[in-house]
Amino acid sequence: MLPNPDILVTCRRHRILNLWLCSIGVIFLCFFATAEAAFDSQKAFEAAYYREVVLGDPAAAIGEYRTLLEESAADRATAAKALLRIGLCQEKLGQRKAAYATWTRVTSEFADQASIVSRARIRLAAWSGPRNLNFQDGAAGKAPPGWFVPSLPKDADYLAELRRDQCRSRSGCAVILVPANVPNATGNLMQSFSAAAYAGKTVRLRAWLRLEALFFSQALGMRLPSPEDRAQLWLTVERTNHRKGFSANTEDHPIRSATWTETEITGEVDKDAAFINFGIQSIGGGRVWVDDVSFDVIPR
């Protein structure tokens, strides 16, 4: 006996309807899964940002940003922001060359994220040469823009402050503070930038320094520097493939005076130089004041 044609048509219609409903269900599931993934990636970014900025732990934040990058490859906007923040964390930790490589990666891998790429290019532009040598930019009491202090463990602080008073110049100066809870205390304020514009040229680094003694002599009723307290200028060149280039400091004629004193380093930058680093060290228990820094190319 042949089946009723009407029953066949009805069954076929139910089958098509079921397939259609299943398809709609799959689409909705995909949509909500994508939305949930986007929400999770944003939540992860906010958690990493909180650890970096509020908790002040950029090293741990880098790990969280990298985990986000691995888990949210489809969310390019969040991934680009995370990669940019990794570079900023690396800069805070004194890993300047790693930060440079990270920001370069932002510009090459996330060209479709215009606002993030623009911010990365601003950071890269700062590598073209030294910045804020006269300490004109920045807020008093904070580290001067363009300069940075290398990181130490959390129980020992490298500190530097921008000052607007007691300076040699009218624009501003900086004070390098040394950690009080470590042996052989050394403070360091430095810059690092691309050597492309200086390769094969002779350069001169100059600065005016003075030493503020913190040791108080009861016998003399005044502050005196201890024998190990001193200020030093230094300059190093890093060549390609992580090779060392020109390197010099003023350890043979350090500054121990409370009077502003000019000191300098002159040397030739290697032809295959990749980066130039220079800075001022405060060694011992005193505070070093620095003003009127200059970095010039000397004509042959």
C-alpha atoms as a PDB file:
ATOM      1  CA  MET A   1       0.000   0.000   0.000  1.00  0.00           C
ATOM      2  CA  LEU A   2       1.427   3.370  -1.026  1.00  0.00           C
ATOM      3  CA  PRO A   3       1.768   6.083   1.632  1.00  0.00           C
ATOM      4  CA  ASN A   4      -0.592   9.013   1.524  1.00  0.00           C
ATOM      5  CA  PRO A   5       1.001  11.831  -0.535  1.00  0.00           C
ATOM      6  CA  ASP A   6      -0.263  14.416   1.916  1.00  0.00           C
ATOM      7  CA  ILE A   7       1.509  12.652   4.763  1.00  0.00           C
ATOM      8  CA  LEU A   8       4.773  12.634   2.774  1.00  0.00           C
ATOM      9  CA  VAL A   9       4.504  16.354   2.098  1.00  0.00           C
ATOM     10  CA  THR A  10       3.798  17.040   5.750  1.00  0.00           C
ATOM     11  CA  CYS A  11       6.808  14.989   6.885  1.00  0.00           C
ATOM     12  CA  ARG A  12       9.052  16.720   4.378  1.00  0.00           C
ATOM     13  CA  ARG A  13       7.878  20.117   5.643  1.00  0.00           C
ATOM     14  CA  HIS A  14       8.557  19.124   9.261  1.00  0.00           C
ATOM     15  CA  ARG A  15      12.041  17.908   8.299  1.00  0.00           C
ATOM     16  CA  ILE A  16      12.828  21.207   6.542  1.00  0.00           C
ATOM     17  CA  LEU A  17      11.457  23.170   9.501  1.00  0.00           C
ATOM     18  CA  ASN A  18      13.576  21.173  11.957  1.00  0.00           C
ATOM     19  CA  LEU A  19      16.694  21.715   9.857  1.00  0.00           C
ATOM     20  CA  TRP A  20      15.950  25.432   9.685  1.00  0.00           C
ATOM     21  CA  LEU A  21      15.433  25.658  13.444  1.00  0.00           C
ATOM     22  CA  CYS A  22      18.680  23.764  14.064  1.00  0.00           C
ATOM     23  CA  SER A  23      20.554  26.140  11.770  1.00  0.00           C
ATOM     24  CA  ILE A  24      19.134  29.150  13.587  1.00  0.00           C
ATOM     25  CA  GLY A  25      20.134  27.597  16.901  1.00  0.00           C
ATOM     26  CA  VAL A  26      23.706  27.035  15.734  1.00  0.00           C
ATOM     27  CA  ILE A  27      23.926  30.637  14.539  1.00  0.00           C
ATOM     28  CA  PHE A  28      22.698  31.958  17.890  1.00  0.00           C
ATOM     29  CA  LEU A  29      25.100  29.707  19.785  1.00  0.00           C
ATOM     30  CA  CYS A  30      28.035  30.972  17.699  1.00  0.00           C
ATOM     31  CA  PHE A  31      26.925  34.552  18.209  1.00  0.00           C
ATOM     32  CA  PHE A  32      26.683  34.231  21.972  1.00  0.00           C
ATOM     33  CA  ALA A  33      29.961  32.278  22.151  1.00  0.00           C
ATOM     34  CA  THR A  34      31.719  35.061  20.237  1.00  0.00           C
ATOM     35  CA  ALA A  35      30.147  37.725  22.435  1.00  0.00           C
ATOM     36  CA  GLU A  36      31.186  35.801  25.549  1.00  0.00           C
ATOM     37  CA  ALA A  37      34.769  35.450  24.233  1.00  0.00           C
ATOM     38  CA  ALA A  38      34.937  39.193  23.495  1.00  0.00           C
ATOM     39  CA  PHE A  39      33.646  39.963  26.988  1.00  0.00           C
ATOM     40  CA  ASP A  40      36.203  37.639  28.556  1.00  0.00           C
ATOM     41  CA  SER A  41      39.098  39.181  26.616  1.00  0.00           C
ATOM     42  CA  GLN A  42      38.059  42.671  27.666  1.00  0.00           C
ATOM     43  CA  LYS A  43      37.730  41.516  31.260  1.00  0.00           C
ATOM     44  CA  ALA A  44      41.194  39.948  31.073  1.00  0.00           C
ATOM     45  CA  PHE A  45      42.628  43.183  29.665  1.00  0.00           C
ATOM     46  CA  GLU A  46      41.096  45.208  32.489  1.00  0.00           C
ATOM     47  CA  ALA A  47      42.532  42.792  35.067  1.00  0.00           C
ATOM     48  CA  ALA A  48      46.026  43.057  33.546  1.00  0.00           C
ATOM     49  CA  TYR A  49      45.727  46.841  33.339  1.00  0.00           C
ATOM     50  CA  TYR A  50      44.700  46.958  37.020  1.00  0.00           C
ATOM     51  CA  ARG A  51      47.741  44.895  37.975  1.00  0.00           C
ATOM     52  CA  GLU A  52      50.017  47.151  35.940  1.00  0.00           C
ATOM     53  CA  VAL A  53      48.700  50.587  36.920  1.00  0.00           C
ATOM     54  CA  VAL A  54      46.967  50.223  40.287  1.00  0.00           C
ATOM     55  CA  LEU A  55      49.017  47.433  41.872  1.00  0.00           C
ATOM     56  CA  GLY A  56      52.223  48.680  40.254  1.00  0.00           C
ATOM     57  CA  ASP A  57      53.397  45.232  39.137  1.00  0.00           C
ATOM     58  CA  PRO A  58      54.345  45.548  35.424  1.00  0.00           C
ATOM     59  CA  ALA A  59      56.282  42.268  35.390  1.00  0.00           C
ATOM     60  CA  ALA A  60      53.213  40.236  36.368  1.00  0.00           C
ATOM     61  CA  ALA A  61      51.024  42.350  34.079  1.00  0.00           C
ATOM     62  CA  ILE A  62      53.184  41.377  31.093  1.00  0.00           C
ATOM     63  CA  GLY A  63      52.355  37.721  31.748  1.00  0.00           C
ATOM     64  CA  GLU A  64      48.639  38.465  31.869  1.00  0.00           C
ATOM     65  CA  TYR A  65      48.754  40.562  28.691  1.00  0.00           C
ATOM     66  CA  ARG A  66      50.599  37.753  26.891  1.00  0.00           C
ATOM     67  CA  THR A  67      48.028  35.192  28.030  1.00  0.00           C
ATOM     68  CA  LEU A  68      45.320  37.458  26.643  1.00  0.00           C
ATOM     69  CA  LEU A  69      47.165  37.657  23.316  1.00  0.00           C
ATOM     70  CA  GLU A  70      47.247  33.878  23.069  1.00  0.00           C
ATOM     71  CA  GLU A  71      43.573  33.466  23.928  1.00  0.00           C
ATOM     72  CA  SER A  72      41.980  36.303  21.954  1.00  0.00           C
ATOM     73  CA  ALA A  73      43.623  36.190  18.542  1.00  0.00           C
ATOM     74  CA  ALA A  74      40.304  36.957  16.845  1.00  0.00           C
ATOM     75  CA  ASP A  75      39.793  40.118  18.932  1.00  0.00           C
ATOM     76  CA  ARG A  76      42.355  42.301  17.174  1.00  0.00           C
ATOM     77  CA  ALA A  77      41.468  45.546  18.948  1.00  0.00           C
ATOM     78  CA  THR A  78      42.046  44.071  22.399  1.00  0.00           C
ATOM     79  CA  ALA A  79      45.144  42.190  21.220  1.00  0.00           C
ATOM     80  CA  ALA A  80      46.646  45.403  19.832  1.00  0.00           C
ATOM     81  CA  LYS A  81      45.984  47.236  23.100  1.00  0.00           C
ATOM     82  CA  ALA A  82      47.530  44.386  25.080  1.00  0.00           C
ATOM     83  CA  LEU A  83      50.664  44.382  22.932  1.00  0.00           C
ATOM     84  CA  LEU A  84      51.012  48.151  23.316  1.00  0.00           C
ATOM     85  CA  ARG A  85      50.724  47.822  27.106  1.00  0.00           C
ATOM     86  CA  ILE A  86      53.394  45.092  27.105  1.00  0.00           C
ATOM     87  CA  GLY A  87      55.772  47.605  25.542  1.00  0.00           C
ATOM     88  CA  LEU A  88      54.881  50.196  28.189  1.00  0.00           C
ATOM     89  CA  CYS A  89      55.469  47.637  30.955  1.00  0.00           C
ATOM     90  CA  GLN A  90      58.826  46.716  29.454  1.00  0.00           C
ATOM     91  CA  GLU A  91      59.783  50.392  29.406  1.00  0.00           C
ATOM     92  CA  LYS A  92      58.824  50.725  33.082  1.00  0.00           C
ATOM     93  CA  LEU A  93      61.084  47.765  33.854  1.00  0.00           C
ATOM     94  CA  GLY A  94      63.992  49.341  31.992  1.00  0.00           C
ATOM     95  CA  GLN A  95      63.748  46.825  29.139  1.00  0.00           C
ATOM     96  CA  ARG A  96      63.924  49.570  26.529  1.00  0.00           C
ATOM     97  CA  LYS A  97      65.126  47.492  23.588  1.00  0.00           C
ATOM     98  CA  ALA A  98      62.427  44.886  24.219  1.00  0.00           C
ATOM     99  CA  ALA A  99      59.869  47.708  24.338  1.00  0.00           C
ATOM    100  CA  TYR A 100      61.142  49.049  21.015  1.00  0.00           C
ATOM    101  CA  ALA A 101      60.724  45.615  19.431  1.00  0.00           C
ATOM    102  CA  THR A 102      57.218  45.275  20.888  1.00  0.00           C
ATOM    103  CA  TRP A 103      56.038  48.642  19.536  1.00  0.00           C
ATOM    104  CA  THR A 104      57.529  47.804  16.140  1.00  0.00           C
ATOM    105  CA  ARG A 105      55.488  44.612  16.196  1.00  0.00           C
ATOM    106  CA  VAL A 106      52.329  46.636  16.907  1.00  0.00           C
ATOM    107  CA  THR A 107      52.875  48.751  13.790  1.00  0.00           C
ATOM    108  CA  SER A 108      53.597  45.744  11.566  1.00  0.00           C
ATOM    109  CA  GLU A 109      50.989  43.249  12.800  1.00  0.00           C
ATOM    110  CA  PHE A 110      48.067  45.551  13.623  1.00  0.00           C
ATOM    111  CA  ALA A 111      48.050  48.104  10.824  1.00  0.00           C
ATOM    112  CA  ASP A 112      44.243  47.983  10.818  1.00  0.00           C
ATOM    113  CA  GLN A 113      44.111  49.337  14.389  1.00  0.00           C
ATOM    114  CA  ALA A 114      44.868  52.973  13.533  1.00  0.00           C
ATOM    115  CA  SER A 115      44.611  54.541  16.997  1.00  0.00           C
ATOM    116  CA  ILE A 116      46.825  51.907  18.655  1.00  0.00           C
ATOM    117  CA  VAL A 117      49.389  52.060  15.834  1.00  0.00           C
ATOM    118  CA  SER A 118      49.490  55.846  16.196  1.00  0.00           C
ATOM    119  CA  ARG A 119      50.342  55.528  19.880  1.00  0.00           C
ATOM    120  CA  ALA A 120      53.031  52.942  19.121  1.00  0.00           C
ATOM    121  CA  ARG A 121      54.604  55.232  16.525  1.00  0.00           C
ATOM    122  CA  ILE A 122      54.726  58.070  19.058  1.00  0.00           C
ATOM    123  CA  ARG A 123      56.678  55.803  21.404  1.00  0.00           C
ATOM    124  CA  LEU A 124      59.018  54.747  18.587  1.00  0.00           C
ATOM    125  CA  ALA A 125      59.617  58.380  17.571  1.00  0.00           C
ATOM    126  CA  ALA A 126      61.067  59.041  21.024  1.00  0.00           C
ATOM    127  CA  TRP A 127      63.909  56.707  20.101  1.00  0.00           C
ATOM    128  CA  SER A 128      65.294  59.025  17.417  1.00  0.00           C
ATOM    129  CA  GLY A 129      67.504  60.832  19.928  1.00  0.00           C
ATOM    130  CA  PRO A 130      67.789  62.148  23.475  1.00  0.00           C
ATOM    131  CA  ARG A 131      64.835  63.996  24.997  1.00  0.00           C
ATOM    132  CA  ASN A 132      64.187  66.611  27.663  1.00  0.00           C
ATOM    133  CA  LEU A 133      67.860  67.241  28.375  1.00  0.00           C
ATOM    134  CA  ASN A 134      67.063  70.597  29.990  1.00  0.00           C
ATOM    135  CA  PHE A 135      64.362  69.040  32.203  1.00  0.00           C
ATOM    136  CA  GLN A 136      61.820  71.543  30.947  1.00  0.00           C
ATOM    137  CA  ASP A 137      59.038  68.950  30.571  1.00  0.00           C
ATOM    138  CA  GLY A 138      57.364  67.110  33.397  1.00  0.00           C
ATOM    139  CA  ALA A 139      55.847  67.585  36.833  1.00  0.00           C
ATOM    140  CA  ALA A 140      57.959  68.386  39.885  1.00  0.00           C
ATOM    141  CA  GLY A 141      58.367  65.410  42.192  1.00  0.00           C
ATOM    142  CA  LYS A 142      57.990  62.884  39.371  1.00  0.00           C
ATOM    143  CA  ALA A 143      60.570  61.178  37.175  1.00  0.00           C
ATOM    144  CA  PRO A 144      61.373  63.528  34.265  1.00  0.00           C
ATOM    145  CA  PRO A 145      59.819  62.520  30.898  1.00  0.00           C
ATOM    146  CA  GLY A 146      62.304  61.093  28.419  1.00  0.00           C
ATOM    147  CA  TRP A 147      64.395  59.672  31.260  1.00  0.00           C
ATOM    148  CA  PHE A 148      63.884  56.475  33.207  1.00  0.00           C
ATOM    149  CA  VAL A 149      65.249  54.677  36.218  1.00  0.00           C
ATOM    150  CA  PRO A 150      66.222  50.994  35.910  1.00  0.00           C
ATOM    151  CA  SER A 151      64.195  48.611  38.027  1.00  0.00           C
ATOM    152  CA  LEU A 152      65.300  46.890  41.185  1.00  0.00           C
ATOM    153  CA  PRO A 153      63.488  44.389  43.396  1.00  0.00           C
ATOM    154  CA  LYS A 154      60.440  45.812  45.142  1.00  0.00           C
ATOM    155  CA  ASP A 155      62.285  46.247  48.468  1.00  0.00           C
ATOM    156  CA  ALA A 156      64.853  48.635  46.934  1.00  0.00           C
ATOM    157  CA  ASP A 157      63.852  51.758  45.084  1.00  0.00           C
ATOM    158  CA  TYR A 158      65.690  53.578  42.362  1.00  0.00           C
ATOM    159  CA  LEU A 159      64.189  57.055  42.437  1.00  0.00           C
ATOM    160  CA  ALA A 160      64.612  60.312  40.553  1.00  0.00           C
ATOM    161  CA  GLU A 161      62.649  63.526  40.854  1.00  0.00           C
ATOM    162  CA  LEU A 162      62.188  66.575  38.684  1.00  0.00           C
ATOM    163  CA  ARG A 163      62.834  69.838  40.535  1.00  0.00           C
ATOM    164  CA  ARG A 164      62.042  73.474  39.769  1.00  0.00           C
ATOM    165  CA  ASP A 165      64.040  75.007  42.625  1.00  0.00           C
ATOM    166  CA  GLN A 166      67.726  74.987  43.620  1.00  0.00           C
ATOM    167  CA  CYS A 167      68.611  74.307  39.966  1.00  0.00           C
ATOM    168  CA  ARG A 168      71.482  75.797  38.038  1.00  0.00           C
ATOM    169  CA  SER A 169      69.212  76.735  35.132  1.00  0.00           C
ATOM    170  CA  ARG A 170      65.784  78.336  35.068  1.00  0.00           C
ATOM    171  CA  SER A 171      64.078  75.486  33.239  1.00  0.00           C
ATOM    172  CA  GLY A 172      64.541  72.709  35.781  1.00  0.00           C
ATOM    173  CA  CYS A 173      66.830  69.964  37.015  1.00  0.00           C
ATOM    174  CA  ALA A 174      66.657  66.471  38.502  1.00  0.00           C
ATOM    175  CA  VAL A 175      67.709  64.827  41.741  1.00  0.00           C
ATOM    176  CA  ILE A 176      68.817  61.210  41.836  1.00  0.00           C
ATOM    177  CA  LEU A 177      67.947  59.510  45.111  1.00  0.00           C
ATOM    178  CA  VAL A 178      69.610  56.325  46.269  1.00  0.00           C
ATOM    179  CA  PRO A 179      67.912  53.394  48.027  1.00  0.00           C
ATOM    180  CA  ALA A 180      68.638  53.371  51.746  1.00  0.00           C
ATOM    181  CA  ASN A 181      68.076  49.650  52.317  1.00  0.00           C
ATOM    182  CA  VAL A 182      70.710  48.062  50.055  1.00  0.00           C
ATOM    183  CA  PRO A 183      74.506  47.793  50.409  1.00  0.00           C
ATOM    184  CA  ASN A 184      76.658  49.911  48.092  1.00  0.00           C
ATOM    185  CA  ALA A 185      73.667  52.032  47.154  1.00  0.00           C
ATOM    186  CA  THR A 186      73.615  53.301  43.581  1.00  0.00           C
ATOM    187  CA  GLY A 187      70.989  55.453  41.897  1.00  0.00           C
ATOM    188  CA  ASN A 188      70.764  55.801  38.144  1.00  0.00           C
ATOM    189  CA  LEU A 189      68.886  58.154  35.802  1.00  0.00           C
ATOM    190  CA  MET A 190      69.323  57.337  32.115  1.00  0.00           C
ATOM    191  CA  GLN A 191      68.163  57.484  28.513  1.00  0.00           C
ATOM    192  CA  SER A 192      68.351  54.933  25.701  1.00  0.00           C
ATOM    193  CA  PHE A 193      67.668  55.538  22.003  1.00  0.00           C
ATOM    194  CA  SER A 194      68.473  54.415  18.470  1.00  0.00           C
ATOM    195  CA  ALA A 195      72.028  55.056  17.282  1.00  0.00           C
ATOM    196  CA  ALA A 196      71.025  55.345  13.621  1.00  0.00           C
ATOM    197  CA  ALA A 197      71.667  59.104  13.447  1.00  0.00           C
ATOM    198  CA  TYR A 198      75.009  58.872  15.279  1.00  0.00           C
ATOM    199  CA  ALA A 199      76.733  55.752  13.868  1.00  0.00           C
ATOM    200  CA  GLY A 200      80.359  56.447  12.928  1.00  0.00           C
ATOM    201  CA  LYS A 201      80.292  59.944  14.462  1.00  0.00           C
ATOM    202  CA  THR A 202      82.072  61.462  17.430  1.00  0.00           C
ATOM    203  CA  VAL A 203      79.696  62.570  20.178  1.00  0.00           C
ATOM    204  CA  ARG A 204      80.079  64.531  23.388  1.00  0.00           C
ATOM    205  CA  LEU A 205      77.917  64.110  26.487  1.00  0.00           C
ATOM    206  CA  ARG A 206      78.025  66.971  28.976  1.00  0.00           C
ATOM    207  CA  ALA A 207      76.240  67.624  32.259  1.00  0.00           C
ATOM    208  CA  TRP A 208      76.439  69.854  35.298  1.00  0.00           C
ATOM    209  CA  LEU A 209      76.425  67.844  38.525  1.00  0.00           C
ATOM    210  CA  ARG A 210      76.642  68.497  42.241  1.00  0.00           C
ATOM    211  CA  LEU A 211      76.601  66.207  45.278  1.00  0.00           C
ATOM    212  CA  GLU A 212      74.287  66.863  48.214  1.00  0.00           C
ATOM    213  CA  ALA A 213      75.749  65.227  51.302  1.00  0.00           C
ATOM    214  CA  LEU A 214      73.346  63.490  53.656  1.00  0.00           C
ATOM    215  CA  PHE A 215      75.805  62.377  56.369  1.00  0.00           C
ATOM    216  CA  PHE A 216      75.655  64.725  59.370  1.00  0.00           C
ATOM    217  CA  SER A 217      78.847  65.167  61.393  1.00  0.00           C
ATOM    218  CA  GLN A 218      78.058  65.752  65.054  1.00  0.00           C
ATOM    219  CA  ALA A 219      81.616  66.910  65.694  1.00  0.00           C
ATOM    220  CA  LEU A 220      81.550  69.580  62.990  1.00  0.00           C
ATOM    221  CA  GLY A 221      77.832  70.292  63.164  1.00  0.00           C
ATOM    222  CA  MET A 222      77.401  70.061  59.409  1.00  0.00           C
ATOM    223  CA  ARG A 223      76.701  67.643  56.575  1.00  0.00           C
ATOM    224  CA  LEU A 224      79.683  66.034  54.935  1.00  0.00           C
ATOM    225  CA  PRO A 225      79.988  63.503  52.092  1.00  0.00           C
ATOM    226  CA  SER A 226      81.330  60.105  53.064  1.00  0.00           C
ATOM    227  CA  PRO A 227      84.392  58.869  51.126  1.00  0.00           C
ATOM    228  CA  GLU A 228      82.324  56.638  48.847  1.00  0.00           C
ATOM    229  CA  ASP A 229      79.738  59.315  47.942  1.00  0.00           C
ATOM    230  CA  ARG A 230      80.132  60.563  44.366  1.00  0.00           C
ATOM    231  CA  ALA A 231      78.403  61.441  41.103  1.00  0.00           C
ATOM    232  CA  GLN A 232      79.420  59.910  37.778  1.00  0.00           C
ATOM    233  CA  LEU A 233      78.503  60.371  34.144  1.00  0.00           C
ATOM    234  CA  TRP A 234      78.457  57.340  31.835  1.00  0.00           C
ATOM    235  CA  LEU A 235      77.876  56.488  28.157  1.00  0.00           C
ATOM    236  CA  THR A 236      77.744  53.129  26.368  1.00  0.00           C
ATOM    237  CA  VAL A 237      77.118  51.970  22.807  1.00  0.00           C
ATOM    238  CA  GLU A 238      75.467  48.674  21.919  1.00  0.00           C
ATOM    239  CA  ARG A 239      76.359  47.249  18.527  1.00  0.00           C
ATOM    240  CA  THR A 240      74.312  44.881  16.389  1.00  0.00           C
ATOM    241  CA  ASN A 241      73.965  41.277  17.558  1.00  0.00           C
ATOM    242  CA  HIS A 242      74.205  42.466  21.187  1.00  0.00           C
ATOM    243  CA  ARG A 243      77.922  43.228  20.953  1.00  0.00           C
ATOM    244  CA  LYS A 244      79.473  45.887  23.178  1.00  0.00           C
ATOM    245  CA  GLY A 245      80.769  49.059  21.606  1.00  0.00           C
ATOM    246  CA  PHE A 246      82.256  52.272  22.961  1.00  0.00           C
ATOM    247  CA  SER A 247      81.938  52.569  26.728  1.00  0.00           C
ATOM    248  CA  ALA A 248      83.164  55.224  29.154  1.00  0.00           C
ATOM    249  CA  ASN A 249      82.403  56.824  32.497  1.00  0.00           C
ATOM    250  CA  THR A 250      83.913  59.473  34.725  1.00  0.00           C
ATOM    251  CA  GLU A 251      84.939  57.205  37.598  1.00  0.00           C
ATOM    252  CA  ASP A 252      88.505  58.572  37.387  1.00  0.00           C
ATOM    253  CA  HIS A 253      87.223  62.117  38.069  1.00  0.00           C
ATOM    254  CA  PRO A 254      83.871  61.831  39.869  1.00  0.00           C
ATOM    255  CA  ILE A 255      81.998  64.824  41.255  1.00  0.00           C
ATOM    256  CA  ARG A 256      82.157  65.112  45.053  1.00  0.00           C
ATOM    257  CA  SER A 257      81.491  68.820  45.432  1.00  0.00           C
ATOM    258  CA  ALA A 258      78.293  70.556  46.537  1.00  0.00           C
ATOM    259  CA  THR A 259      79.051  73.220  43.921  1.00  0.00           C
ATOM    260  CA  TRP A 260      77.720  72.804  40.371  1.00  0.00           C
ATOM    261  CA  THR A 261      80.540  71.251  38.312  1.00  0.00           C
ATOM    262  CA  GLU A 262      80.609  70.451  34.598  1.00  0.00           C
ATOM    263  CA  THR A 263      81.784  67.041  33.423  1.00  0.00           C
ATOM    264  CA  GLU A 264      81.811  65.358  30.008  1.00  0.00           C
ATOM    265  CA  ILE A 265      82.507  62.233  27.980  1.00  0.00           C
ATOM    266  CA  THR A 266      83.654  62.255  24.345  1.00  0.00           C
ATOM    267  CA  GLY A 267      83.885  59.214  22.107  1.00  0.00           C
ATOM    268  CA  GLU A 268      83.230  57.752  18.680  1.00  0.00           C
ATOM    269  CA  VAL A 269      80.040  55.784  18.135  1.00  0.00           C
ATOM    270  CA  ASP A 270      80.693  52.451  16.420  1.00  0.00           C
ATOM    271  CA  LYS A 271      79.683  52.276  12.760  1.00  0.00           C
ATOM    272  CA  ASP A 272      77.431  49.284  13.399  1.00  0.00           C
ATOM    273  CA  ALA A 273      75.903  50.808  16.545  1.00  0.00           C
ATOM    274  CA  ALA A 274      72.300  49.902  17.336  1.00  0.00           C
ATOM    275  CA  PHE A 275      71.591  51.769  20.583  1.00  0.00           C
ATOM    276  CA  ILE A 276      73.137  54.533  22.659  1.00  0.00           C
ATOM    277  CA  ASN A 277      72.693  54.640  26.434  1.00  0.00           C
ATOM    278  CA  PHE A 278      73.817  57.358  28.813  1.00  0.00           C
ATOM    279  CA  GLY A 279      73.053  58.497  32.304  1.00  0.00           C
ATOM    280  CA  ILE A 280      74.078  59.824  35.667  1.00  0.00           C
ATOM    281  CA  GLN A 281      74.862  57.695  38.694  1.00  0.00           C
ATOM    282  CA  SER A 282      74.591  58.592  42.359  1.00  0.00           C
ATOM    283  CA  ILE A 283      76.922  56.289  44.274  1.00  0.00           C
ATOM    284  CA  GLY A 284      76.973  56.098  48.060  1.00  0.00           C
ATOM    285  CA  GLY A 285      74.693  57.858  50.488  1.00  0.00           C
ATOM    286  CA  GLY A 286      74.416  61.311  48.921  1.00  0.00           C
ATOM    287  CA  ARG A 287      72.000  62.822  46.437  1.00  0.00           C
ATOM    288  CA  VAL A 288      73.145  63.869  42.984  1.00  0.00           C
ATOM    289  CA  TRP A 289      71.682  66.906  41.262  1.00  0.00           C
ATOM    290  CA  VAL A 290      71.904  67.122  37.464  1.00  0.00           C
ATOM    291  CA  ASP A 291      71.221  70.069  35.158  1.00  0.00           C
ATOM    292  CA  ASP A 292      72.037  71.409  31.667  1.00  0.00           C
ATOM    293  CA  VAL A 293      72.649  68.047  29.969  1.00  0.00           C
ATOM    294  CA  SER A 294      73.750  68.157  26.318  1.00  0.00           C
ATOM    295  CA  PHE A 295      74.459  65.490  23.712  1.00  0.00           C
ATOM    296  CA  ASP A 296      76.125  66.754  20.527  1.00  0.00           C
ATOM    297  CA  VAL A 297      77.891  65.494  17.431  1.00  0.00           C
ATOM    298  CA  ILE A 298      81.410  66.936  17.156  1.00  0.00           C
ATOM    299  CA  PRO A 299      82.464  67.756  13.568  1.00  0.00           C
ATOM    300  CA  ARG A 300      85.596  65.973  12.447  1.00  0.00           C
END
